[in-house]
Each structure stands twice: as structure tokens, then as C-alpha cells.
């Protein structure tokens, strides 16, 4: 079965309203015993109301200057317990070994064994060394997820200042925070 809604029922540019209206509202019907959301098709007119940053594989390809082949990436492991220096070494080795990018695990934020600034500095050093050795753009998704929006903004800005072409935030922070 298909369910369609008029666009006027949604606040422009609001992921929170979209998901609450579709997922929260429909799944909350008491008369519905079982329901599975398999697909959502969102009209282009509504998508254009979202003024967030450009995202998606096209933008990643542009930032990494990689076309005509699959992107090759991985998550840094072990995810917890490395010092900043060792973390940067893992980033360097992975990128030097042929990866286009690496990413922080979602569990890596700013723990006592490795604060975020230390991770970013050693990580970008690894990115820059690997890029110089390979003669091509390399990247690392630094996780800027934090306890407050102010801390996330600070981390994202620092990411930009040190020359990172990409960063990441975790979905668990919520749709409104993602849009912010």
C-alpha cells in the first residue's frame, strides 16, 4: 500500500517534522497491528527547501578528487584506546596503503586517552603525509560529535582550520542538531 501526503502538511526544511509526521504519526496508529516502512519518495520541490551543506557521494568525489572508480575507505581500528600519536600513525598507514579515506568510529569523541584536538592534529598530519607520498588527495572523517552544539561547532571549525576536507557527525545527536 502507498500513502501520500500534501506538501503543505510539512514544515519546509525540517527533518524533525518530516520524520515525526511520517514515521511517528503513522506508526502510532492504534488500529495498525503491523507496519513496515520500505521506501520514502520525497518530491524535489520539498528537497529544495533544505538549505544544508552539500552532501552525498558526488560531493565526496569532488573533495577527494576521485572519479571513475569506487571510493575505498575504512574505519580506524582499534576504535578505542590508541594515543593521538598512534591514531595518526594508523591514519597514515591506511591512507598510504591505498585507501582514499579513513573515518573515526562513532565511539571516538574526546576521551581521556585521546582528546579530540590531539586526534585531529595527529590525524591530519597522517592525512597530509599520505597525500604527499601518494601525490593525490586523501581524507579522514574526523568525528566532531560532542555533548553540545557549541562544542560540535568548535570541533568542525577546527577541522576546517587544520585543512580537513571532510568531517562527520553521528546521527544519534538528532535531526535538528544535524541540520544545525
C-alpha atoms as a PDB file:
ATOM      1  CA  UNK A   1       0.000   0.000   0.000  1.00  0.00           C
ATOM      2  CA  UNK A   2       1.090   3.552  -0.624  1.00  0.00           C
ATOM      3  CA  UNK A   3       0.437   6.616   1.487  1.00  0.00           C
ATOM      4  CA  UNK A   4       0.809  10.110   0.013  1.00  0.00           C
ATOM      5  CA  UNK A   5       0.778  13.471   1.768  1.00  0.00           C
ATOM      6  CA  UNK A   6       0.342  17.020   0.502  1.00  0.00           C
ATOM      7  CA  UNK A   7       3.500  19.120   0.850  1.00  0.00           C
ATOM      8  CA  UNK A   8       1.592  21.790   2.774  1.00  0.00           C
ATOM      9  CA  UNK A   9       1.440  19.378   5.713  1.00  0.00           C
ATOM     10  CA  UNK A  10       5.204  19.663   6.282  1.00  0.00           C
ATOM     11  CA  UNK A  11       7.381  22.452   7.607  1.00  0.00           C
ATOM     12  CA  UNK A  12       9.886  23.457   4.951  1.00  0.00           C
ATOM     13  CA  UNK A  13      13.417  22.217   5.548  1.00  0.00           C
ATOM     14  CA  UNK A  14      12.687  20.266   8.740  1.00  0.00           C
ATOM     15  CA  UNK A  15      13.910  16.689   9.036  1.00  0.00           C
ATOM     16  CA  UNK A  16      12.399  16.524  12.513  1.00  0.00           C
ATOM     17  CA  UNK A  17       8.931  17.424  11.219  1.00  0.00           C
ATOM     18  CA  UNK A  18       9.209  15.087   8.231  1.00  0.00           C
ATOM     19  CA  UNK A  19      10.175  12.058  10.292  1.00  0.00           C
ATOM     20  CA  UNK A  20       7.734  12.832  13.110  1.00  0.00           C
ATOM     21  CA  UNK A  21       4.901  13.222  10.621  1.00  0.00           C
ATOM     22  CA  UNK A  22       5.621  10.111   8.611  1.00  0.00           C
ATOM     23  CA  UNK A  23       7.261   7.680  10.957  1.00  0.00           C
ATOM     24  CA  UNK A  24       5.943   8.850  14.324  1.00  0.00           C
ATOM     25  CA  UNK A  25       2.396   9.616  13.274  1.00  0.00           C
ATOM     26  CA  UNK A  26       1.682   6.624  11.036  1.00  0.00           C
ATOM     27  CA  UNK A  27       3.400   4.091  13.265  1.00  0.00           C
ATOM     28  CA  UNK A  28       1.422   5.435  16.212  1.00  0.00           C
ATOM     29  CA  UNK A  29      -1.990   4.482  14.788  1.00  0.00           C
ATOM     30  CA  UNK A  30      -3.618   2.153  17.298  1.00  0.00           C
ATOM     31  CA  UNK A  31      -5.619   0.459  14.536  1.00  0.00           C
ATOM     32  CA  UNK A  32      -2.415  -0.679  12.828  1.00  0.00           C
ATOM     33  CA  UNK A  33      -1.159  -4.025  14.093  1.00  0.00           C
ATOM     34  CA  UNK A  34       1.892  -4.318  11.841  1.00  0.00           C
ATOM     35  CA  UNK A  35       3.534  -1.831   9.539  1.00  0.00           C
ATOM     36  CA  UNK A  36       6.880  -1.630   7.791  1.00  0.00           C
ATOM     37  CA  UNK A  37       8.321   1.439   6.097  1.00  0.00           C
ATOM     38  CA  UNK A  38      10.137   0.223   2.988  1.00  0.00           C
ATOM     39  CA  UNK A  39      10.607   3.345   0.920  1.00  0.00           C
ATOM     40  CA  UNK A  40      10.103   7.089   1.036  1.00  0.00           C
ATOM     41  CA  UNK A  41       9.945   9.206  -2.086  1.00  0.00           C
ATOM     42  CA  UNK A  42      10.326  12.871  -1.380  1.00  0.00           C
ATOM     43  CA  UNK A  43       9.376  15.389  -4.074  1.00  0.00           C
ATOM     44  CA  UNK A  44      12.190  17.553  -5.422  1.00  0.00           C
ATOM     45  CA  UNK A  45      10.197  20.671  -4.505  1.00  0.00           C
ATOM     46  CA  UNK A  46      10.364  19.658  -0.831  1.00  0.00           C
ATOM     47  CA  UNK A  47      14.018  18.604  -1.007  1.00  0.00           C
ATOM     48  CA  UNK A  48      14.892  22.075  -2.287  1.00  0.00           C
ATOM     49  CA  UNK A  49      13.617  23.598   0.976  1.00  0.00           C
ATOM     50  CA  UNK A  50      16.597  22.085   2.820  1.00  0.00           C
ATOM     51  CA  UNK A  51      19.436  24.604   2.858  1.00  0.00           C
ATOM     52  CA  UNK A  52      22.050  22.407   4.491  1.00  0.00           C
ATOM     53  CA  UNK A  53      25.531  21.666   3.223  1.00  0.00           C
ATOM     54  CA  UNK A  54      26.071  19.734   0.032  1.00  0.00           C
ATOM     55  CA  UNK A  55      26.395  16.052   0.840  1.00  0.00           C
ATOM     56  CA  UNK A  56      26.453  12.742  -0.912  1.00  0.00           C
ATOM     57  CA  UNK A  57      28.879  10.730  -2.967  1.00  0.00           C
ATOM     58  CA  UNK A  58      29.159  13.408  -5.675  1.00  0.00           C
ATOM     59  CA  UNK A  59      30.454  15.944  -3.158  1.00  0.00           C
ATOM     60  CA  UNK A  60      32.796  13.361  -1.613  1.00  0.00           C
ATOM     61  CA  UNK A  61      34.226  12.627  -5.059  1.00  0.00           C
ATOM     62  CA  UNK A  62      34.751  16.345  -5.667  1.00  0.00           C
ATOM     63  CA  UNK A  63      36.501  16.888  -2.334  1.00  0.00           C
ATOM     64  CA  UNK A  64      38.683  13.814  -2.735  1.00  0.00           C
ATOM     65  CA  UNK A  65      39.169  14.351  -6.495  1.00  0.00           C
ATOM     66  CA  UNK A  66      38.282  10.704  -7.178  1.00  0.00           C
ATOM     67  CA  UNK A  67      36.220   9.770 -10.240  1.00  0.00           C
ATOM     68  CA  UNK A  68      35.543   6.742 -12.418  1.00  0.00           C
ATOM     69  CA  UNK A  69      36.019   4.108  -9.733  1.00  0.00           C
ATOM     70  CA  UNK A  70      34.633   3.114  -6.356  1.00  0.00           C
ATOM     71  CA  UNK A  71      35.861   5.068  -3.344  1.00  0.00           C
ATOM     72  CA  UNK A  72      37.873   2.930  -0.959  1.00  0.00           C
ATOM     73  CA  UNK A  73      37.557   3.697   2.734  1.00  0.00           C
ATOM     74  CA  UNK A  74      37.674   2.124   6.172  1.00  0.00           C
ATOM     75  CA  UNK A  75      37.095   2.843   9.852  1.00  0.00           C
ATOM     76  CA  UNK A  76      40.131   3.163  12.118  1.00  0.00           C
ATOM     77  CA  UNK A  77      40.555   0.101  14.345  1.00  0.00           C
ATOM     78  CA  UNK A  78      41.056  -0.444  17.167  1.00  0.00           C
ATOM     79  CA  UNK A  79      38.408   2.151  17.781  1.00  0.00           C
ATOM     80  CA  UNK A  80      39.292   2.842  21.405  1.00  0.00           C
ATOM     81  CA  UNK A  81      42.484   3.047  23.416  1.00  0.00           C
ATOM     82  CA  UNK A  82      45.033   4.482  20.977  1.00  0.00           C
ATOM     83  CA  UNK A  83      47.030   7.589  21.830  1.00  0.00           C
ATOM     84  CA  UNK A  84      46.740  10.511  19.438  1.00  0.00           C
ATOM     85  CA  UNK A  85      50.176   9.764  18.011  1.00  0.00           C
ATOM     86  CA  UNK A  86      49.350   6.104  17.364  1.00  0.00           C
ATOM     87  CA  UNK A  87      45.985   7.087  15.917  1.00  0.00           C
ATOM     88  CA  UNK A  88      47.715   9.396  13.451  1.00  0.00           C
ATOM     89  CA  UNK A  89      50.080   6.565  12.528  1.00  0.00           C
ATOM     90  CA  UNK A  90      47.137   4.262  11.763  1.00  0.00           C
ATOM     91  CA  UNK A  91      45.579   7.006   9.605  1.00  0.00           C
ATOM     92  CA  UNK A  92      48.848   7.452   7.714  1.00  0.00           C
ATOM     93  CA  UNK A  93      49.409   3.720   7.186  1.00  0.00           C
ATOM     94  CA  UNK A  94      45.863   3.127   5.963  1.00  0.00           C
ATOM     95  CA  UNK A  95      45.926   6.006   3.501  1.00  0.00           C
ATOM     96  CA  UNK A  96      49.466   5.241   2.357  1.00  0.00           C
ATOM     97  CA  UNK A  97      48.338   1.655   1.784  1.00  0.00           C
ATOM     98  CA  UNK A  98      45.810   2.765  -0.831  1.00  0.00           C
ATOM     99  CA  UNK A  99      42.672   3.884   0.963  1.00  0.00           C
ATOM    100  CA  UNK A 100      41.035   7.097  -0.263  1.00  0.00           C
ATOM    101  CA  UNK A 101      39.777   7.941   3.207  1.00  0.00           C
ATOM    102  CA  UNK A 102      39.501   6.695   6.748  1.00  0.00           C
ATOM    103  CA  UNK A 103      36.898   7.631   9.336  1.00  0.00           C
ATOM    104  CA  UNK A 104      36.682   7.853  13.080  1.00  0.00           C
ATOM    105  CA  UNK A 105      34.481   5.298  14.757  1.00  0.00           C
ATOM    106  CA  UNK A 106      31.326   6.794  16.261  1.00  0.00           C
ATOM    107  CA  UNK A 107      32.632   5.898  19.733  1.00  0.00           C
ATOM    108  CA  UNK A 108      35.631   8.206  19.340  1.00  0.00           C
ATOM    109  CA  UNK A 109      34.875  11.661  20.678  1.00  0.00           C
ATOM    110  CA  UNK A 110      37.143  13.189  23.340  1.00  0.00           C
ATOM    111  CA  UNK A 111      38.062  10.522  25.858  1.00  0.00           C
ATOM    112  CA  UNK A 112      40.840  10.870  28.476  1.00  0.00           C
ATOM    113  CA  UNK A 113      43.217   8.618  26.498  1.00  0.00           C
ATOM    114  CA  UNK A 114      42.873  10.814  23.391  1.00  0.00           C
ATOM    115  CA  UNK A 115      41.256  14.242  23.395  1.00  0.00           C
ATOM    116  CA  UNK A 116      39.632  15.419  20.181  1.00  0.00           C
ATOM    117  CA  UNK A 117      42.173  18.147  19.399  1.00  0.00           C
ATOM    118  CA  UNK A 118      45.069  15.699  19.762  1.00  0.00           C
ATOM    119  CA  UNK A 119      43.290  13.219  17.468  1.00  0.00           C
ATOM    120  CA  UNK A 120      42.621  15.885  14.859  1.00  0.00           C
ATOM    121  CA  UNK A 121      46.214  17.180  14.870  1.00  0.00           C
ATOM    122  CA  UNK A 122      47.882  13.771  14.628  1.00  0.00           C
ATOM    123  CA  UNK A 123      45.211  12.563  12.205  1.00  0.00           C
ATOM    124  CA  UNK A 124      45.613  15.465   9.772  1.00  0.00           C
ATOM    125  CA  UNK A 125      49.379  15.005   9.942  1.00  0.00           C
ATOM    126  CA  UNK A 126      48.827  11.399   8.802  1.00  0.00           C
ATOM    127  CA  UNK A 127      46.478  12.564   6.035  1.00  0.00           C
ATOM    128  CA  UNK A 128      48.958  15.166   4.785  1.00  0.00           C
ATOM    129  CA  UNK A 129      51.926  12.782   4.843  1.00  0.00           C
ATOM    130  CA  UNK A 130      49.979  10.090   2.980  1.00  0.00           C
ATOM    131  CA  UNK A 131      48.669  12.589   0.416  1.00  0.00           C
ATOM    132  CA  UNK A 132      52.201  13.880  -0.221  1.00  0.00           C
ATOM    133  CA  UNK A 133      53.543  10.342  -0.592  1.00  0.00           C
ATOM    134  CA  UNK A 134      50.735   9.302  -2.960  1.00  0.00           C
ATOM    135  CA  UNK A 135      50.543  12.563  -4.881  1.00  0.00           C
ATOM    136  CA  UNK A 136      46.771  12.637  -4.526  1.00  0.00           C
ATOM    137  CA  UNK A 137      44.072  13.956  -2.203  1.00  0.00           C
ATOM    138  CA  UNK A 138      43.386  11.788   0.838  1.00  0.00           C
ATOM    139  CA  UNK A 139      40.813  12.327   3.554  1.00  0.00           C
ATOM    140  CA  UNK A 140      39.776  11.449   7.055  1.00  0.00           C
ATOM    141  CA  UNK A 141      36.293  11.862   8.511  1.00  0.00           C
ATOM    142  CA  UNK A 142      37.002  13.415  11.897  1.00  0.00           C
ATOM    143  CA  UNK A 143      34.078  12.796  14.257  1.00  0.00           C
ATOM    144  CA  UNK A 144      33.008  16.207  15.578  1.00  0.00           C
ATOM    145  CA  UNK A 145      30.087  14.793  17.602  1.00  0.00           C
ATOM    146  CA  UNK A 146      30.005  16.320  21.084  1.00  0.00           C
ATOM    147  CA  UNK A 147      27.768  16.910  24.074  1.00  0.00           C
ATOM    148  CA  UNK A 148      26.736  20.411  22.997  1.00  0.00           C
ATOM    149  CA  UNK A 149      26.204  22.213  19.710  1.00  0.00           C
ATOM    150  CA  UNK A 150      28.826  24.773  20.722  1.00  0.00           C
ATOM    151  CA  UNK A 151      31.433  22.038  21.151  1.00  0.00           C
ATOM    152  CA  UNK A 152      30.480  20.496  17.813  1.00  0.00           C
ATOM    153  CA  UNK A 153      30.786  23.861  16.061  1.00  0.00           C
ATOM    154  CA  UNK A 154      34.198  24.383  17.673  1.00  0.00           C
ATOM    155  CA  UNK A 155      35.410  20.973  16.525  1.00  0.00           C
ATOM    156  CA  UNK A 156      34.052  21.418  12.994  1.00  0.00           C
ATOM    157  CA  UNK A 157      35.686  24.835  12.718  1.00  0.00           C
ATOM    158  CA  UNK A 158      38.994  23.422  13.960  1.00  0.00           C
ATOM    159  CA  UNK A 159      38.660  20.664  11.369  1.00  0.00           C
ATOM    160  CA  UNK A 160      38.404  23.307   8.669  1.00  0.00           C
ATOM    161  CA  UNK A 161      41.287  25.333  10.127  1.00  0.00           C
ATOM    162  CA  UNK A 162      43.693  22.386  10.009  1.00  0.00           C
ATOM    163  CA  UNK A 163      42.790  21.713   6.381  1.00  0.00           C
ATOM    164  CA  UNK A 164      40.495  18.706   6.582  1.00  0.00           C
ATOM    165  CA  UNK A 165      38.261  18.363   3.522  1.00  0.00           C
ATOM    166  CA  UNK A 166      35.673  16.260   5.382  1.00  0.00           C
ATOM    167  CA  UNK A 167      34.305  15.597   8.867  1.00  0.00           C
ATOM    168  CA  UNK A 168      31.414  13.624  10.323  1.00  0.00           C
ATOM    169  CA  UNK A 169      28.697  13.806  12.950  1.00  0.00           C
ATOM    170  CA  UNK A 170      26.789  10.879  14.372  1.00  0.00           C
ATOM    171  CA  UNK A 171      23.066  10.511  13.719  1.00  0.00           C
ATOM    172  CA  UNK A 172      22.429   9.955  17.442  1.00  0.00           C
ATOM    173  CA  UNK A 173      22.693  13.723  18.031  1.00  0.00           C
ATOM    174  CA  UNK A 174      19.289  14.128  16.376  1.00  0.00           C
ATOM    175  CA  UNK A 175      17.927  15.588  13.180  1.00  0.00           C
ATOM    176  CA  UNK A 176      17.757  19.184  14.376  1.00  0.00           C
ATOM    177  CA  UNK A 177      21.382  19.082  15.510  1.00  0.00           C
ATOM    178  CA  UNK A 178      22.403  17.565  12.179  1.00  0.00           C
ATOM    179  CA  UNK A 179      20.652  20.360  10.328  1.00  0.00           C
ATOM    180  CA  UNK A 180      22.288  22.963  12.571  1.00  0.00           C
END
